[in-house]
N, C-alpha and C. Protein backbone atom coordinates (compact mmCIF):
# COMPACT_ATOMS: atom_id res chain seq x y z
N UNK A 1 -69.12 -34.50 -131.86
CA UNK A 1 -69.70 -34.57 -130.53
C UNK A 1 -71.22 -34.62 -130.59
N UNK A 2 -71.77 -33.87 -131.52
CA UNK A 2 -73.22 -33.82 -131.66
C UNK A 2 -73.78 -35.21 -132.02
N UNK A 3 -73.01 -35.97 -132.78
CA UNK A 3 -73.44 -37.32 -133.15
C UNK A 3 -73.63 -38.20 -131.93
N UNK A 4 -72.72 -38.09 -130.99
CA UNK A 4 -72.80 -38.93 -129.79
C UNK A 4 -74.02 -38.56 -128.94
N UNK A 5 -74.38 -37.30 -128.94
CA UNK A 5 -75.58 -36.88 -128.22
C UNK A 5 -76.81 -37.51 -128.87
N UNK A 6 -76.85 -37.54 -130.20
CA UNK A 6 -77.97 -38.15 -130.90
C UNK A 6 -78.03 -39.65 -130.64
N UNK A 7 -76.88 -40.30 -130.60
CA UNK A 7 -76.86 -41.73 -130.31
C UNK A 7 -77.38 -41.98 -128.91
N UNK A 8 -76.92 -41.20 -127.95
CA UNK A 8 -77.37 -41.36 -126.56
C UNK A 8 -78.87 -41.11 -126.46
N UNK A 9 -79.37 -40.11 -127.16
CA UNK A 9 -80.82 -39.83 -127.14
C UNK A 9 -81.61 -40.98 -127.75
N UNK A 10 -81.09 -41.55 -128.82
CA UNK A 10 -81.78 -42.67 -129.45
C UNK A 10 -81.85 -43.87 -128.51
N UNK A 11 -80.78 -44.13 -127.79
CA UNK A 11 -80.79 -45.24 -126.84
C UNK A 11 -81.75 -44.96 -125.70
N UNK A 12 -81.76 -43.74 -125.20
CA UNK A 12 -82.68 -43.39 -124.12
C UNK A 12 -84.14 -43.49 -124.56
N UNK A 13 -84.43 -43.03 -125.76
CA UNK A 13 -85.79 -43.13 -126.28
C UNK A 13 -86.20 -44.59 -126.43
N UNK A 14 -85.28 -45.43 -126.88
CA UNK A 14 -85.58 -46.85 -127.02
C UNK A 14 -85.90 -47.47 -125.66
N UNK A 15 -85.12 -47.14 -124.66
CA UNK A 15 -85.37 -47.67 -123.32
C UNK A 15 -86.72 -47.19 -122.79
N UNK A 16 -87.01 -45.93 -122.99
CA UNK A 16 -88.30 -45.38 -122.53
C UNK A 16 -89.45 -46.06 -123.26
N UNK A 17 -89.32 -46.28 -124.57
CA UNK A 17 -90.39 -46.94 -125.31
C UNK A 17 -90.61 -48.37 -124.84
N UNK A 18 -89.54 -49.10 -124.61
CA UNK A 18 -89.67 -50.48 -124.17
C UNK A 18 -90.30 -50.54 -122.78
N UNK A 19 -89.88 -49.67 -121.89
CA UNK A 19 -90.46 -49.66 -120.55
C UNK A 19 -91.92 -49.24 -120.57
N UNK A 20 -92.27 -48.29 -121.44
CA UNK A 20 -93.67 -47.89 -121.57
C UNK A 20 -94.51 -49.04 -122.11
N UNK A 21 -93.97 -49.76 -123.06
CA UNK A 21 -94.66 -50.92 -123.60
C UNK A 21 -94.83 -52.00 -122.54
N UNK A 22 -93.84 -52.18 -121.70
CA UNK A 22 -93.94 -53.15 -120.61
C UNK A 22 -95.01 -52.75 -119.62
N UNK A 23 -95.07 -51.48 -119.27
CA UNK A 23 -96.10 -51.01 -118.35
C UNK A 23 -97.50 -51.18 -118.92
N UNK A 24 -97.64 -50.89 -120.21
CA UNK A 24 -98.94 -51.06 -120.86
C UNK A 24 -99.34 -52.53 -120.86
N UNK A 25 -98.39 -53.39 -121.17
CA UNK A 25 -98.72 -54.82 -121.20
C UNK A 25 -99.04 -55.35 -119.81
N UNK A 26 -98.39 -54.83 -118.78
CA UNK A 26 -98.71 -55.23 -117.41
C UNK A 26 -100.13 -54.85 -117.05
N UNK A 27 -100.56 -53.69 -117.47
CA UNK A 27 -101.91 -53.24 -117.15
C UNK A 27 -102.97 -53.97 -117.96
N UNK A 28 -102.61 -54.44 -119.16
CA UNK A 28 -103.59 -55.13 -119.98
C UNK A 28 -104.04 -56.42 -119.30
N UNK A 29 -103.11 -57.23 -118.90
CA UNK A 29 -103.45 -58.46 -118.19
C UNK A 29 -102.17 -59.08 -117.64
N UNK A 30 -102.35 -59.90 -116.63
CA UNK A 30 -101.20 -60.54 -116.00
C UNK A 30 -100.69 -61.71 -116.82
N UNK A 31 -101.55 -62.33 -117.60
CA UNK A 31 -101.16 -63.52 -118.38
C UNK A 31 -101.09 -63.24 -119.87
N UNK A 32 -100.82 -62.02 -120.22
CA UNK A 32 -100.80 -61.62 -121.62
C UNK A 32 -99.59 -62.21 -122.35
N UNK A 33 -99.82 -62.63 -123.59
CA UNK A 33 -98.73 -63.16 -124.43
C UNK A 33 -97.74 -62.05 -124.78
N UNK A 34 -98.26 -60.83 -125.01
CA UNK A 34 -97.40 -59.69 -125.33
C UNK A 34 -96.44 -59.41 -124.19
N UNK A 35 -96.94 -59.44 -122.97
CA UNK A 35 -96.11 -59.20 -121.79
C UNK A 35 -95.00 -60.23 -121.69
N UNK A 36 -95.35 -61.49 -121.91
CA UNK A 36 -94.34 -62.56 -121.84
C UNK A 36 -93.28 -62.38 -122.92
N UNK A 37 -93.72 -62.01 -124.11
CA UNK A 37 -92.77 -61.80 -125.21
C UNK A 37 -91.82 -60.65 -124.90
N UNK A 38 -92.36 -59.54 -124.40
CA UNK A 38 -91.53 -58.37 -124.10
C UNK A 38 -90.54 -58.68 -122.98
N UNK A 39 -91.00 -59.34 -121.93
CA UNK A 39 -90.10 -59.65 -120.82
C UNK A 39 -89.02 -60.64 -121.23
N UNK A 40 -89.36 -61.56 -122.11
CA UNK A 40 -88.39 -62.55 -122.56
C UNK A 40 -87.34 -61.94 -123.48
N UNK A 41 -87.75 -60.99 -124.32
CA UNK A 41 -86.86 -60.43 -125.35
C UNK A 41 -86.58 -58.95 -125.14
N UNK A 42 -86.60 -58.48 -123.91
CA UNK A 42 -86.44 -57.05 -123.63
C UNK A 42 -85.12 -56.49 -124.15
N UNK A 43 -84.03 -57.18 -123.90
CA UNK A 43 -82.71 -56.70 -124.32
C UNK A 43 -82.62 -56.60 -125.83
N UNK A 44 -83.12 -57.61 -126.51
CA UNK A 44 -83.07 -57.61 -127.97
C UNK A 44 -83.94 -56.48 -128.53
N UNK A 45 -85.10 -56.28 -127.94
CA UNK A 45 -85.98 -55.21 -128.40
C UNK A 45 -85.36 -53.83 -128.19
N UNK A 46 -84.72 -53.64 -127.04
CA UNK A 46 -84.04 -52.36 -126.78
C UNK A 46 -82.94 -52.12 -127.79
N UNK A 47 -82.14 -53.14 -128.06
CA UNK A 47 -81.06 -52.99 -129.04
C UNK A 47 -81.62 -52.72 -130.44
N UNK A 48 -82.67 -53.42 -130.80
CA UNK A 48 -83.26 -53.24 -132.12
C UNK A 48 -83.83 -51.84 -132.30
N UNK A 49 -84.58 -51.36 -131.33
CA UNK A 49 -85.16 -50.02 -131.42
C UNK A 49 -84.06 -48.96 -131.41
N UNK A 50 -83.04 -49.13 -130.57
CA UNK A 50 -81.96 -48.13 -130.53
C UNK A 50 -81.17 -48.11 -131.83
N UNK A 51 -80.96 -49.25 -132.45
CA UNK A 51 -80.26 -49.29 -133.73
C UNK A 51 -81.10 -48.59 -134.81
N UNK A 52 -82.40 -48.87 -134.82
CA UNK A 52 -83.28 -48.22 -135.80
C UNK A 52 -83.29 -46.71 -135.61
N UNK A 53 -83.39 -46.25 -134.37
CA UNK A 53 -83.38 -44.81 -134.11
C UNK A 53 -82.03 -44.18 -134.43
N UNK A 54 -80.93 -44.89 -134.15
CA UNK A 54 -79.60 -44.36 -134.47
C UNK A 54 -79.41 -44.22 -135.97
N UNK A 55 -79.80 -45.24 -136.72
CA UNK A 55 -79.65 -45.19 -138.17
C UNK A 55 -80.52 -44.08 -138.75
N UNK A 56 -81.74 -43.97 -138.25
CA UNK A 56 -82.61 -42.92 -138.79
C UNK A 56 -82.11 -41.53 -138.43
N UNK A 57 -81.53 -41.35 -137.23
CA UNK A 57 -80.99 -40.03 -136.88
C UNK A 57 -79.74 -39.72 -137.71
N UNK A 58 -78.89 -40.72 -137.95
CA UNK A 58 -77.74 -40.49 -138.82
C UNK A 58 -78.20 -40.08 -140.21
N UNK A 59 -79.19 -40.79 -140.75
CA UNK A 59 -79.68 -40.47 -142.09
C UNK A 59 -80.28 -39.07 -142.12
N UNK A 60 -81.03 -38.72 -141.10
CA UNK A 60 -81.67 -37.41 -141.06
C UNK A 60 -80.64 -36.29 -141.04
N UNK A 61 -79.65 -36.40 -140.18
CA UNK A 61 -78.71 -35.30 -140.00
C UNK A 61 -77.57 -35.30 -141.01
N UNK A 62 -77.21 -36.45 -141.54
CA UNK A 62 -76.13 -36.48 -142.52
C UNK A 62 -76.64 -36.18 -143.93
N UNK A 63 -77.80 -36.68 -144.28
CA UNK A 63 -78.30 -36.47 -145.64
C UNK A 63 -78.93 -35.11 -145.83
N UNK A 64 -79.48 -34.53 -144.77
CA UNK A 64 -80.13 -33.22 -144.89
C UNK A 64 -79.22 -32.07 -144.52
N UNK A 65 -78.01 -32.34 -144.11
CA UNK A 65 -77.08 -31.29 -143.71
C UNK A 65 -76.44 -30.61 -144.91
N UNK A 66 -75.81 -29.50 -144.64
CA UNK A 66 -75.14 -28.76 -145.70
C UNK A 66 -73.83 -29.46 -146.08
N UNK A 67 -73.40 -29.23 -147.28
CA UNK A 67 -72.16 -29.79 -147.76
C UNK A 67 -70.99 -29.17 -146.99
N UNK A 68 -69.90 -29.93 -146.79
CA UNK A 68 -68.74 -29.35 -146.11
C UNK A 68 -68.10 -28.20 -146.89
N UNK A 69 -68.45 -28.07 -148.16
CA UNK A 69 -67.89 -27.00 -148.98
C UNK A 69 -68.73 -25.73 -148.89
N UNK A 70 -69.64 -25.69 -147.92
CA UNK A 70 -70.53 -24.54 -147.76
C UNK A 70 -70.15 -23.77 -146.49
N UNK A 71 -70.47 -22.49 -146.50
CA UNK A 71 -70.22 -21.63 -145.35
C UNK A 71 -71.52 -20.93 -145.00
N UNK A 72 -71.85 -20.89 -143.71
CA UNK A 72 -73.10 -20.29 -143.26
C UNK A 72 -72.93 -18.79 -143.07
N UNK A 73 -73.82 -18.02 -143.66
CA UNK A 73 -73.88 -16.58 -143.44
C UNK A 73 -75.06 -16.32 -142.53
N UNK A 74 -74.84 -15.80 -141.32
CA UNK A 74 -75.94 -15.63 -140.38
C UNK A 74 -76.91 -14.53 -140.81
N UNK A 75 -78.08 -14.55 -140.19
CA UNK A 75 -79.10 -13.53 -140.48
C UNK A 75 -78.58 -12.15 -140.08
N UNK A 76 -79.01 -11.14 -140.81
CA UNK A 76 -78.57 -9.76 -140.55
C UNK A 76 -79.78 -8.83 -140.54
N UNK A 77 -79.61 -7.71 -139.89
CA UNK A 77 -80.65 -6.69 -139.88
C UNK A 77 -80.17 -5.52 -140.74
N UNK A 78 -80.91 -5.20 -141.79
CA UNK A 78 -80.60 -4.08 -142.68
C UNK A 78 -81.85 -3.21 -142.81
N UNK A 79 -81.71 -1.94 -142.50
CA UNK A 79 -82.82 -0.99 -142.58
C UNK A 79 -84.05 -1.46 -141.79
N UNK A 80 -83.80 -2.09 -140.65
CA UNK A 80 -84.89 -2.53 -139.79
C UNK A 80 -85.56 -3.81 -140.24
N UNK A 81 -85.06 -4.45 -141.28
CA UNK A 81 -85.64 -5.70 -141.75
C UNK A 81 -84.63 -6.83 -141.56
N UNK A 82 -85.16 -8.00 -141.26
CA UNK A 82 -84.29 -9.16 -141.07
C UNK A 82 -84.10 -9.87 -142.41
N UNK A 83 -82.84 -10.06 -142.76
CA UNK A 83 -82.49 -10.80 -143.94
C UNK A 83 -81.97 -12.16 -143.47
N UNK A 84 -82.66 -13.22 -143.89
CA UNK A 84 -82.37 -14.57 -143.40
C UNK A 84 -80.97 -15.03 -143.72
N UNK A 85 -80.47 -15.95 -142.89
CA UNK A 85 -79.18 -16.54 -143.13
C UNK A 85 -79.23 -17.54 -144.26
N UNK A 86 -78.07 -17.87 -144.79
CA UNK A 86 -78.02 -18.81 -145.91
C UNK A 86 -76.67 -19.51 -145.94
N UNK A 87 -76.63 -20.60 -146.69
CA UNK A 87 -75.37 -21.30 -146.93
C UNK A 87 -74.84 -20.88 -148.28
N UNK A 88 -73.60 -20.43 -148.29
CA UNK A 88 -72.95 -19.99 -149.53
C UNK A 88 -71.72 -20.85 -149.77
N UNK A 89 -71.32 -20.95 -151.02
CA UNK A 89 -70.12 -21.71 -151.37
C UNK A 89 -68.88 -20.99 -150.85
N UNK A 90 -67.92 -21.77 -150.36
CA UNK A 90 -66.68 -21.18 -149.85
C UNK A 90 -65.80 -20.65 -150.98
N UNK A 91 -66.03 -21.15 -152.16
CA UNK A 91 -65.17 -20.79 -153.30
C UNK A 91 -65.50 -19.43 -153.84
């Protein structure tokens, strides 16, 4: 489920970036080449940015995550001191 939230966030960020770029290009000039390019290829740019963000979020969360053979031990308080949580092997 968490993956789908990341995908949705990536798509939303892509849409926000494209719209921000469109607003910037509108303010730069009315006859700007950048504005014409963005308006002509808006759908393709949104798809491209969302795919890039989706792939990078998958790589970030899948490659940096703990192994499925690991179990998380939460942080504990012993003698008034906090002992940090850690991932331990299930075996």
